């Protein structure tokens, strides 16, 4: 992601990451939006990690219709676009 944004790694870590016991994680904004979201789009899209490439097909989001719809209130892409088959979603989730 740092390379996609043409940033040195130290600058990327300082501006966009939080360090935890398990490693580094992207910061969230106060409203839980990803720090990479800018005007509704990912500013580092080509360099996004697997976690981002598999969104919104995360287990906690797929566990129920209610959780899917709740996530749809935060993600403008949910409920739009083509319908993904179960086998396609399983393939995406298998990347994790």
PDB file of N, CA and C in Angstrom:
ATOM      1  N   UNK A   1       0.823  -1.183   0.000  1.00  0.00           N
ATOM      2  CA  UNK A   1       0.000   0.000   0.000  1.00  0.00           C
ATOM      3  C   UNK A   1       0.874   1.256   0.000  1.00  0.00           C
ATOM      4  N   UNK A   2       1.975   1.193   0.727  1.00  0.00           N
ATOM      5  CA  UNK A   2       2.883   2.340   0.766  1.00  0.00           C
ATOM      6  C   UNK A   2       3.389   2.653  -0.641  1.00  0.00           C
ATOM      7  N   UNK A   3       3.762   1.620  -1.369  1.00  0.00           N
ATOM      8  CA  UNK A   3       4.259   1.830  -2.738  1.00  0.00           C
ATOM      9  C   UNK A   3       3.166   2.400  -3.628  1.00  0.00           C
ATOM     10  N   UNK A   4       1.945   1.911  -3.482  1.00  0.00           N
ATOM     11  CA  UNK A   4       0.825   2.414  -4.276  1.00  0.00           C
ATOM     12  C   UNK A   4       0.622   3.906  -4.039  1.00  0.00           C
ATOM     13  N   UNK A   5       0.826   4.334  -2.795  1.00  0.00           N
ATOM     14  CA  UNK A   5       0.659   5.746  -2.446  1.00  0.00           C
ATOM     15  C   UNK A   5       1.938   6.555  -2.634  1.00  0.00           C
ATOM     16  N   UNK A   6       2.998   5.900  -3.123  1.00  0.00           N
ATOM     17  CA  UNK A   6       4.307   6.527  -3.330  1.00  0.00           C
ATOM     18  C   UNK A   6       4.831   7.142  -2.038  1.00  0.00           C
ATOM     19  N   UNK A   7       4.708   6.375  -0.942  1.00  0.00           N
ATOM     20  CA  UNK A   7       5.192   6.824   0.361  1.00  0.00           C
ATOM     21  C   UNK A   7       6.295   5.902   0.853  1.00  0.00           C
ATOM     22  N   UNK A   8       7.237   6.475   1.583  1.00  0.00           N
ATOM     23  CA  UNK A   8       8.225   5.639   2.244  1.00  0.00           C
ATOM     24  C   UNK A   8       7.510   4.870   3.356  1.00  0.00           C
ATOM     25  N   UNK A   9       8.000   3.686   3.659  1.00  0.00           N
ATOM     26  CA  UNK A   9       7.335   2.826   4.625  1.00  0.00           C
ATOM     27  C   UNK A   9       7.171   3.496   5.987  1.00  0.00           C
ATOM     28  N   UNK A  10       8.186   4.207   6.446  1.00  0.00           N
ATOM     29  CA  UNK A  10       8.085   4.859   7.758  1.00  0.00           C
ATOM     30  C   UNK A  10       6.958   5.889   7.771  1.00  0.00           C
ATOM     31  N   UNK A  11       6.787   6.616   6.676  1.00  0.00           N
ATOM     32  CA  UNK A  11       5.730   7.622   6.596  1.00  0.00           C
ATOM     33  C   UNK A  11       4.354   6.949   6.557  1.00  0.00           C
ATOM     34  N   UNK A  12       4.245   5.860   5.786  1.00  0.00           N
ATOM     35  CA  UNK A  12       2.991   5.121   5.702  1.00  0.00           C
ATOM     36  C   UNK A  12       2.601   4.589   7.078  1.00  0.00           C
ATOM     37  N   UNK A  13       3.553   3.982   7.791  1.00  0.00           N
ATOM     38  CA  UNK A  13       3.271   3.465   9.135  1.00  0.00           C
ATOM     39  C   UNK A  13       2.805   4.574  10.065  1.00  0.00           C
ATOM     40  N   UNK A  14       3.488   5.681  10.036  1.00  0.00           N
ATOM     41  CA  UNK A  14       3.152   6.805  10.913  1.00  0.00           C
ATOM     42  C   UNK A  14       1.754   7.359  10.625  1.00  0.00           C
ATOM     43  N   UNK A  15       1.416   7.489   9.358  1.00  0.00           N
ATOM     44  CA  UNK A  15       0.157   8.129   8.974  1.00  0.00           C
ATOM     45  C   UNK A  15      -1.052   7.192   8.963  1.00  0.00           C
ATOM     46  N   UNK A  16      -0.844   5.906   8.674  1.00  0.00           N
ATOM     47  CA  UNK A  16      -1.985   5.039   8.388  1.00  0.00           C
ATOM     48  C   UNK A  16      -2.103   3.772   9.232  1.00  0.00           C
ATOM     49  N   UNK A  17      -1.071   3.428   9.990  1.00  0.00           N
ATOM     50  CA  UNK A  17      -1.099   2.158  10.712  1.00  0.00           C
ATOM     51  C   UNK A  17      -1.096   2.352  12.217  1.00  0.00           C
ATOM     52  N   UNK A  18      -1.608   1.351  12.882  1.00  0.00           N
ATOM     53  CA  UNK A  18      -1.525   1.268  14.332  1.00  0.00           C
ATOM     54  C   UNK A  18      -0.835  -0.057  14.638  1.00  0.00           C
ATOM     55  N   UNK A  19       0.075  -0.044  15.598  1.00  0.00           N
ATOM     56  CA  UNK A  19       0.807  -1.258  15.940  1.00  0.00           C
ATOM     57  C   UNK A  19       0.109  -1.984  17.079  1.00  0.00           C
ATOM     58  N   UNK A  20       0.003  -3.290  16.936  1.00  0.00           N
ATOM     59  CA  UNK A  20      -0.589  -4.140  17.968  1.00  0.00           C
ATOM     60  C   UNK A  20       0.334  -5.335  18.179  1.00  0.00           C
ATOM     61  N   UNK A  21       0.021  -6.160  19.152  1.00  0.00           N
ATOM     62  CA  UNK A  21       0.829  -7.341  19.435  1.00  0.00           C
ATOM     63  C   UNK A  21       0.982  -8.238  18.217  1.00  0.00           C
ATOM     64  N   UNK A  22      -0.084  -8.357  17.422  1.00  0.00           N
ATOM     65  CA  UNK A  22      -0.091  -9.254  16.263  1.00  0.00           C
ATOM     66  C   UNK A  22       0.561  -8.635  15.032  1.00  0.00           C
ATOM     67  N   UNK A  23       0.882  -7.363  15.053  1.00  0.00           N
ATOM     68  CA  UNK A  23       1.481  -6.700  13.900  1.00  0.00           C
ATOM     69  C   UNK A  23       0.871  -5.330  13.690  1.00  0.00           C
ATOM     70  N   UNK A  24       0.891  -4.863  12.455  1.00  0.00           N
ATOM     71  CA  UNK A  24       0.342  -3.552  12.115  1.00  0.00           C
ATOM     72  C   UNK A  24      -1.031  -3.705  11.476  1.00  0.00           C
ATOM     73  N   UNK A  25      -1.901  -2.747  11.758  1.00  0.00           N
ATOM     74  CA  UNK A  25      -3.253  -2.733  11.203  1.00  0.00           C
ATOM     75  C   UNK A  25      -3.574  -1.336  10.713  1.00  0.00           C
ATOM     76  N   UNK A  26      -4.400  -1.260   9.676  1.00  0.00           N
ATOM     77  CA  UNK A  26      -4.843   0.049   9.197  1.00  0.00           C
ATOM     78  C   UNK A  26      -5.684   0.721  10.269  1.00  0.00           C
ATOM     79  N   UNK A  27      -5.502   2.005  10.411  1.00  0.00           N
ATOM     80  CA  UNK A  27      -6.311   2.773  11.354  1.00  0.00           C
ATOM     81  C   UNK A  27      -7.749   2.839  10.861  1.00  0.00           C
ATOM     82  N   UNK A  28      -8.664   2.966  11.787  1.00  0.00           N
ATOM     83  CA  UNK A  28     -10.062   3.253  11.476  1.00  0.00           C
ATOM     84  C   UNK A  28     -10.325   4.701  11.834  1.00  0.00           C
ATOM     85  N   UNK A  29     -11.240   5.295  11.134  1.00  0.00           N
ATOM     86  CA  UNK A  29     -11.699   6.627  11.527  1.00  0.00           C
ATOM     87  C   UNK A  29     -12.698   6.475  12.667  1.00  0.00           C
ATOM     88  N   UNK A  30     -13.089   7.568  13.286  1.00  0.00           N
ATOM     89  CA  UNK A  30     -14.020   7.525  14.408  1.00  0.00           C
ATOM     90  C   UNK A  30     -15.337   6.840  14.044  1.00  0.00           C
ATOM     91  N   UNK A  31     -15.771   6.978  12.790  1.00  0.00           N
ATOM     92  CA  UNK A  31     -17.026   6.354  12.353  1.00  0.00           C
ATOM     93  C   UNK A  31     -16.817   4.909  11.871  1.00  0.00           C
ATOM     94  N   UNK A  32     -15.647   4.346  12.114  1.00  0.00           N
ATOM     95  CA  UNK A  32     -15.254   2.975  11.751  1.00  0.00           C
ATOM     96  C   UNK A  32     -14.905   2.818  10.271  1.00  0.00           C
ATOM     97  N   UNK A  33     -14.919   3.888   9.493  1.00  0.00           N
ATOM     98  CA  UNK A  33     -14.496   3.812   8.095  1.00  0.00           C
ATOM     99  C   UNK A  33     -12.991   3.583   8.039  1.00  0.00           C
ATOM    100  N   UNK A  34     -12.559   2.931   7.006  1.00  0.00           N
ATOM    101  CA  UNK A  34     -11.137   2.709   6.778  1.00  0.00           C
ATOM    102  C   UNK A  34     -10.457   4.042   6.485  1.00  0.00           C
ATOM    103  N   UNK A  35      -9.264   4.202   6.996  1.00  0.00           N
ATOM    104  CA  UNK A  35      -8.501   5.428   6.785  1.00  0.00           C
ATOM    105  C   UNK A  35      -8.138   5.623   5.306  1.00  0.00           C
ATOM    106  N   UNK A  36      -8.214   4.565   4.517  1.00  0.00           N
ATOM    107  CA  UNK A  36      -7.904   4.664   3.093  1.00  0.00           C
ATOM    108  C   UNK A  36      -9.079   5.170   2.258  1.00  0.00           C
ATOM    109  N   UNK A  37     -10.273   5.195   2.837  1.00  0.00           N
ATOM    110  CA  UNK A  37     -11.427   5.679   2.081  1.00  0.00           C
ATOM    111  C   UNK A  37     -11.355   7.196   1.919  1.00  0.00           C
ATOM    112  N   UNK A  38     -11.504   7.613   0.689  1.00  0.00           N
ATOM    113  CA  UNK A  38     -11.475   9.036   0.374  1.00  0.00           C
ATOM    114  C   UNK A  38     -12.553   9.299  -0.676  1.00  0.00           C
ATOM    115  N   UNK A  39     -13.552  10.064  -0.317  1.00  0.00           N
ATOM    116  CA  UNK A  39     -14.681  10.359  -1.197  1.00  0.00           C
ATOM    117  C   UNK A  39     -15.335   9.083  -1.720  1.00  0.00           C
ATOM    118  N   UNK A  40     -15.490   8.091  -0.829  1.00  0.00           N
ATOM    119  CA  UNK A  40     -16.180   6.859  -1.167  1.00  0.00           C
ATOM    120  C   UNK A  40     -15.374   5.836  -1.933  1.00  0.00           C
ATOM    121  N   UNK A  41     -14.099   6.083  -2.133  1.00  0.00           N
ATOM    122  CA  UNK A  41     -13.247   5.134  -2.867  1.00  0.00           C
ATOM    123  C   UNK A  41     -11.940   4.910  -2.112  1.00  0.00           C
ATOM    124  N   UNK A  42     -11.342   3.756  -2.340  1.00  0.00           N
ATOM    125  CA  UNK A  42     -10.074   3.425  -1.702  1.00  0.00           C
ATOM    126  C   UNK A  42      -8.933   4.111  -2.443  1.00  0.00           C
ATOM    127  N   UNK A  43      -8.163   4.899  -1.713  1.00  0.00           N
ATOM    128  CA  UNK A  43      -7.058   5.613  -2.355  1.00  0.00           C
ATOM    129  C   UNK A  43      -5.852   4.727  -2.640  1.00  0.00           C
ATOM    130  N   UNK A  44      -5.829   3.500  -2.108  1.00  0.00           N
ATOM    131  CA  UNK A  44      -4.725   2.569  -2.349  1.00  0.00           C
ATOM    132  C   UNK A  44      -5.242   1.273  -2.981  1.00  0.00           C
ATOM    133  N   UNK A  45      -6.317   1.360  -3.733  1.00  0.00           N
ATOM    134  CA  UNK A  45      -7.021   0.180  -4.255  1.00  0.00           C
ATOM    135  C   UNK A  45      -6.104  -0.859  -4.909  1.00  0.00           C
ATOM    136  N   UNK A  46      -5.217  -0.487  -5.819  1.00  0.00           N
ATOM    137  CA  UNK A  46      -4.384  -1.512  -6.468  1.00  0.00           C
ATOM    138  C   UNK A  46      -3.468  -2.258  -5.489  1.00  0.00           C
ATOM    139  N   UNK A  47      -3.119  -1.643  -4.373  1.00  0.00           N
ATOM    140  CA  UNK A  47      -2.196  -2.259  -3.424  1.00  0.00           C
ATOM    141  C   UNK A  47      -2.855  -2.772  -2.164  1.00  0.00           C
ATOM    142  N   UNK A  48      -4.173  -2.951  -2.200  1.00  0.00           N
ATOM    143  CA  UNK A  48      -4.874  -3.343  -0.971  1.00  0.00           C
ATOM    144  C   UNK A  48      -4.531  -4.774  -0.558  1.00  0.00           C
ATOM    145  N   UNK A  49      -4.517  -5.031   0.757  1.00  0.00           N
ATOM    146  CA  UNK A  49      -4.204  -6.374   1.248  1.00  0.00           C
ATOM    147  C   UNK A  49      -5.388  -7.327   1.096  1.00  0.00           C
ATOM    148  N   UNK A  50      -5.168  -8.598   1.400  1.00  0.00           N
ATOM    149  CA  UNK A  50      -6.203  -9.624   1.265  1.00  0.00           C
ATOM    150  C   UNK A  50      -7.452  -9.263   2.057  1.00  0.00           C
ATOM    151  N   UNK A  51      -7.269  -8.734   3.263  1.00  0.00           N
ATOM    152  CA  UNK A  51      -8.433  -8.369   4.080  1.00  0.00           C
ATOM    153  C   UNK A  51      -9.357  -7.438   3.300  1.00  0.00           C
ATOM    154  N   UNK A  52      -8.781  -6.504   2.597  1.00  0.00           N
ATOM    155  CA  UNK A  52      -9.589  -5.554   1.827  1.00  0.00           C
ATOM    156  C   UNK A  52     -10.148  -6.185   0.555  1.00  0.00           C
ATOM    157  N   UNK A  53      -9.369  -7.054  -0.078  1.00  0.00           N
ATOM    158  CA  UNK A  53      -9.832  -7.689  -1.317  1.00  0.00           C
ATOM    159  C   UNK A  53     -11.010  -8.627  -1.074  1.00  0.00           C
ATOM    160  N   UNK A  54     -11.120  -9.159   0.136  1.00  0.00           N
ATOM    161  CA  UNK A  54     -12.207 -10.089   0.429  1.00  0.00           C
ATOM    162  C   UNK A  54     -13.438  -9.400   1.011  1.00  0.00           C
ATOM    163  N   UNK A  55     -13.344  -8.120   1.337  1.00  0.00           N
ATOM    164  CA  UNK A  55     -14.499  -7.383   1.865  1.00  0.00           C
ATOM    165  C   UNK A  55     -15.547  -7.212   0.768  1.00  0.00           C
ATOM    166  N   UNK A  56     -16.819  -7.374   1.040  1.00  0.00           N
ATOM    167  CA  UNK A  56     -17.499  -7.540   2.327  1.00  0.00           C
ATOM    168  C   UNK A  56     -17.795  -8.996   2.670  1.00  0.00           C
ATOM    169  N   UNK A  57     -17.084  -9.920   2.061  1.00  0.00           N
ATOM    170  CA  UNK A  57     -17.378 -11.334   2.280  1.00  0.00           C
ATOM    171  C   UNK A  57     -16.634 -11.875   3.498  1.00  0.00           C
ATOM    172  N   UNK A  58     -16.769 -11.198   4.613  1.00  0.00           N
ATOM    173  CA  UNK A  58     -16.181 -11.626   5.873  1.00  0.00           C
ATOM    174  C   UNK A  58     -17.237 -12.398   6.652  1.00  0.00           C
ATOM    175  N   UNK A  59     -16.799 -13.395   7.415  1.00  0.00           N
ATOM    176  CA  UNK A  59     -17.735 -14.243   8.148  1.00  0.00           C
ATOM    177  C   UNK A  59     -18.683 -13.454   9.033  1.00  0.00           C
ATOM    178  N   UNK A  60     -18.170 -12.444   9.737  1.00  0.00           N
ATOM    179  CA  UNK A  60     -19.038 -11.671  10.632  1.00  0.00           C
ATOM    180  C   UNK A  60     -20.100 -10.877   9.879  1.00  0.00           C
ATOM    181  N   UNK A  61     -19.855 -10.581   8.627  1.00  0.00           N
ATOM    182  CA  UNK A  61     -20.831  -9.858   7.811  1.00  0.00           C
ATOM    183  C   UNK A  61     -21.807 -10.844   7.155  1.00  0.00           C
ATOM    184  N   UNK A  62     -21.317 -12.019   6.785  1.00  0.00           N
ATOM    185  CA  UNK A  62     -22.148 -13.019   6.105  1.00  0.00           C
ATOM    186  C   UNK A  62     -22.977 -13.871   7.056  1.00  0.00           C
ATOM    187  N   UNK A  63     -22.781 -13.725   8.357  1.00  0.00           N
ATOM    188  CA  UNK A  63     -23.432 -14.634   9.310  1.00  0.00           C
ATOM    189  C   UNK A  63     -24.948 -14.541   9.312  1.00  0.00           C
ATOM    190  N   UNK A  64     -25.491 -13.399   8.906  1.00  0.00           N
ATOM    191  CA  UNK A  64     -26.954 -13.278   8.875  1.00  0.00           C
ATOM    192  C   UNK A  64     -27.366 -12.185   7.900  1.00  0.00           C
ATOM    193  N   UNK A  65     -28.606 -12.233   7.515  1.00  0.00           N
ATOM    194  CA  UNK A  65     -29.161 -11.200   6.646  1.00  0.00           C
ATOM    195  C   UNK A  65     -29.099  -9.836   7.330  1.00  0.00           C
ATOM    196  N   UNK A  66     -29.330  -9.844   8.647  1.00  0.00           N
ATOM    197  CA  UNK A  66     -29.309  -8.587   9.413  1.00  0.00           C
ATOM    198  C   UNK A  66     -27.915  -7.964   9.416  1.00  0.00           C
ATOM    199  N   UNK A  67     -26.866  -8.786   9.625  1.00  0.00           N
ATOM    200  CA  UNK A  67     -25.510  -8.231   9.644  1.00  0.00           C
ATOM    201  C   UNK A  67     -25.113  -7.732   8.253  1.00  0.00           C
ATOM    202  N   UNK A  68     -25.559  -8.429   7.212  1.00  0.00           N
ATOM    203  CA  UNK A  68     -25.297  -7.983   5.835  1.00  0.00           C
ATOM    204  C   UNK A  68     -25.960  -6.630   5.580  1.00  0.00           C
ATOM    205  N   UNK A  69     -27.207  -6.497   5.983  1.00  0.00           N
ATOM    206  CA  UNK A  69     -27.922  -5.238   5.774  1.00  0.00           C
ATOM    207  C   UNK A  69     -27.340  -4.111   6.621  1.00  0.00           C
ATOM    208  N   UNK A  70     -26.921  -4.425   7.839  1.00  0.00           N
ATOM    209  CA  UNK A  70     -26.287  -3.404   8.685  1.00  0.00           C
ATOM    210  C   UNK A  70     -25.003  -2.898   8.053  1.00  0.00           C
ATOM    211  N   UNK A  71     -24.203  -3.817   7.514  1.00  0.00           N
ATOM    212  CA  UNK A  71     -22.970  -3.411   6.839  1.00  0.00           C
ATOM    213  C   UNK A  71     -23.293  -2.567   5.605  1.00  0.00           C
ATOM    214  N   UNK A  72     -24.408  -2.863   4.966  1.00  0.00           N
ATOM    215  CA  UNK A  72     -24.841  -2.088   3.809  1.00  0.00           C
ATOM    216  C   UNK A  72     -25.126  -0.632   4.133  1.00  0.00           C
ATOM    217  N   UNK A  73     -25.396  -0.327   5.402  1.00  0.00           N
ATOM    218  CA  UNK A  73     -25.599   1.080   5.784  1.00  0.00           C
ATOM    219  C   UNK A  73     -24.271   1.831   5.808  1.00  0.00           C
ATOM    220  N   UNK A  74     -23.153   1.105   5.913  1.00  0.00           N
ATOM    221  CA  UNK A  74     -21.819   1.721   5.927  1.00  0.00           C
ATOM    222  C   UNK A  74     -21.122   1.632   4.577  1.00  0.00           C
ATOM    223  N   UNK A  75     -21.497   0.634   3.778  1.00  0.00           N
ATOM    224  CA  UNK A  75     -20.823   0.409   2.501  1.00  0.00           C
ATOM    225  C   UNK A  75     -21.795   0.661   1.356  1.00  0.00           C
ATOM    226  N   UNK A  76     -21.561   1.697   0.572  1.00  0.00           N
ATOM    227  CA  UNK A  76     -22.487   2.019  -0.507  1.00  0.00           C
ATOM    228  C   UNK A  76     -22.521   0.989  -1.627  1.00  0.00           C
ATOM    229  N   UNK A  77     -21.548   0.069  -1.683  1.00  0.00           N
ATOM    230  CA  UNK A  77     -21.529  -0.937  -2.741  1.00  0.00           C
ATOM    231  C   UNK A  77     -22.376  -2.161  -2.448  1.00  0.00           C
ATOM    232  N   UNK A  78     -22.717  -2.382  -1.174  1.00  0.00           N
ATOM    233  CA  UNK A  78     -23.520  -3.549  -0.823  1.00  0.00           C
ATOM    234  C   UNK A  78     -24.943  -3.345  -1.331  1.00  0.00           C
ATOM    235  N   UNK A  79     -25.444  -4.369  -2.039  1.00  0.00           N
ATOM    236  CA  UNK A  79     -26.788  -4.283  -2.610  1.00  0.00           C
ATOM    237  C   UNK A  79     -26.801  -3.679  -4.002  1.00  0.00           C
ATOM    238  N   UNK A  80     -25.622  -3.376  -4.532  1.00  0.00           N
ATOM    239  CA  UNK A  80     -25.506  -2.835  -5.882  1.00  0.00           C
ATOM    240  C   UNK A  80     -24.568  -3.733  -6.685  1.00  0.00           C
ATOM    241  N   UNK A  81     -24.622  -3.644  -7.956  1.00  0.00           N
ATOM    242  CA  UNK A  81     -23.732  -4.449  -8.785  1.00  0.00           C
ATOM    243  C   UNK A  81     -24.283  -5.846  -8.989  1.00  0.00           C
ATOM    244  N   UNK A  82     -23.434  -6.710  -9.460  1.00  0.00           N
ATOM    245  CA  UNK A  82     -23.877  -8.058  -9.799  1.00  0.00           C
ATOM    246  C   UNK A  82     -24.025  -8.925  -8.547  1.00  0.00           C
ATOM    247  N   UNK A  83     -24.776  -9.965  -8.665  1.00  0.00           N
ATOM    248  CA  UNK A  83     -24.967 -10.930  -7.591  1.00  0.00           C
ATOM    249  C   UNK A  83     -23.852 -11.967  -7.669  1.00  0.00           C
ATOM    250  N   UNK A  84     -23.174 -12.190  -6.552  1.00  0.00           N
ATOM    251  CA  UNK A  84     -22.078 -13.147  -6.498  1.00  0.00           C
ATOM    252  C   UNK A  84     -22.624 -14.510  -6.093  1.00  0.00           C
ATOM    253  N   UNK A  85     -22.168 -15.564  -6.734  1.00  0.00           N
ATOM    254  CA  UNK A  85     -22.612 -16.915  -6.390  1.00  0.00           C
ATOM    255  C   UNK A  85     -21.906 -17.375  -5.121  1.00  0.00           C
ATOM    256  N   UNK A  86     -22.508 -18.389  -4.484  1.00  0.00           N
ATOM    257  CA  UNK A  86     -21.913 -18.953  -3.275  1.00  0.00           C
ATOM    258  C   UNK A  86     -20.502 -19.468  -3.554  1.00  0.00           C
ATOM    259  N   UNK A  87     -20.298 -20.132  -4.678  1.00  0.00           N
ATOM    260  CA  UNK A  87     -18.972 -20.675  -4.990  1.00  0.00           C
ATOM    261  C   UNK A  87     -17.955 -19.554  -5.225  1.00  0.00           C
ATOM    262  N   UNK A  88     -18.379 -18.439  -5.808  1.00  0.00           N
ATOM    263  CA  UNK A  88     -17.469 -17.302  -5.976  1.00  0.00           C
ATOM    264  C   UNK A  88     -17.068 -16.719  -4.622  1.00  0.00           C
ATOM    265  N   UNK A  89     -18.033 -16.577  -3.723  1.00  0.00           N
ATOM    266  CA  UNK A  89     -17.752 -16.042  -2.389  1.00  0.00           C
ATOM    267  C   UNK A  89     -16.814 -16.987  -1.644  1.00  0.00           C
ATOM    268  N   UNK A  90     -17.062 -18.278  -1.723  1.00  0.00           N
ATOM    269  CA  UNK A  90     -16.166 -19.253  -1.069  1.00  0.00           C
ATOM    270  C   UNK A  90     -14.758 -19.151  -1.629  1.00  0.00           C
ATOM    271  N   UNK A  91     -14.643 -18.943  -2.929  1.00  0.00           N
ATOM    272  CA  UNK A  91     -13.315 -18.782  -3.539  1.00  0.00           C
ATOM    273  C   UNK A  91     -12.611 -17.543  -3.027  1.00  0.00           C
ATOM    274  N   UNK A  92     -13.331 -16.453  -2.894  1.00  0.00           N
ATOM    275  CA  UNK A  92     -12.764 -15.214  -2.368  1.00  0.00           C
ATOM    276  C   UNK A  92     -12.333 -15.409  -0.919  1.00  0.00           C
ATOM    277  N   UNK A  93     -13.202 -16.024  -0.119  1.00  0.00           N
ATOM    278  CA  UNK A  93     -12.896 -16.257   1.291  1.00  0.00           C
ATOM    279  C   UNK A  93     -11.724 -17.219   1.454  1.00  0.00           C
ATOM    280  N   UNK A  94     -11.522 -18.101   0.490  1.00  0.00           N
ATOM    281  CA  UNK A  94     -10.405 -19.039   0.549  1.00  0.00           C
ATOM    282  C   UNK A  94      -9.051 -18.379   0.397  1.00  0.00           C
ATOM    283  N   UNK A  95      -9.030 -17.116  -0.013  1.00  0.00           N
ATOM    284  CA  UNK A  95      -7.770 -16.385  -0.165  1.00  0.00           C
ATOM    285  C   UNK A  95      -7.190 -15.966   1.183  1.00  0.00           C
ATOM    286  N   UNK A  96      -8.010 -15.981   2.211  1.00  0.00           N
ATOM    287  CA  UNK A  96      -7.594 -15.471   3.521  1.00  0.00           C
ATOM    288  C   UNK A  96      -6.688 -16.458   4.217  1.00  0.00           C
TER     289      UNK A  96
END
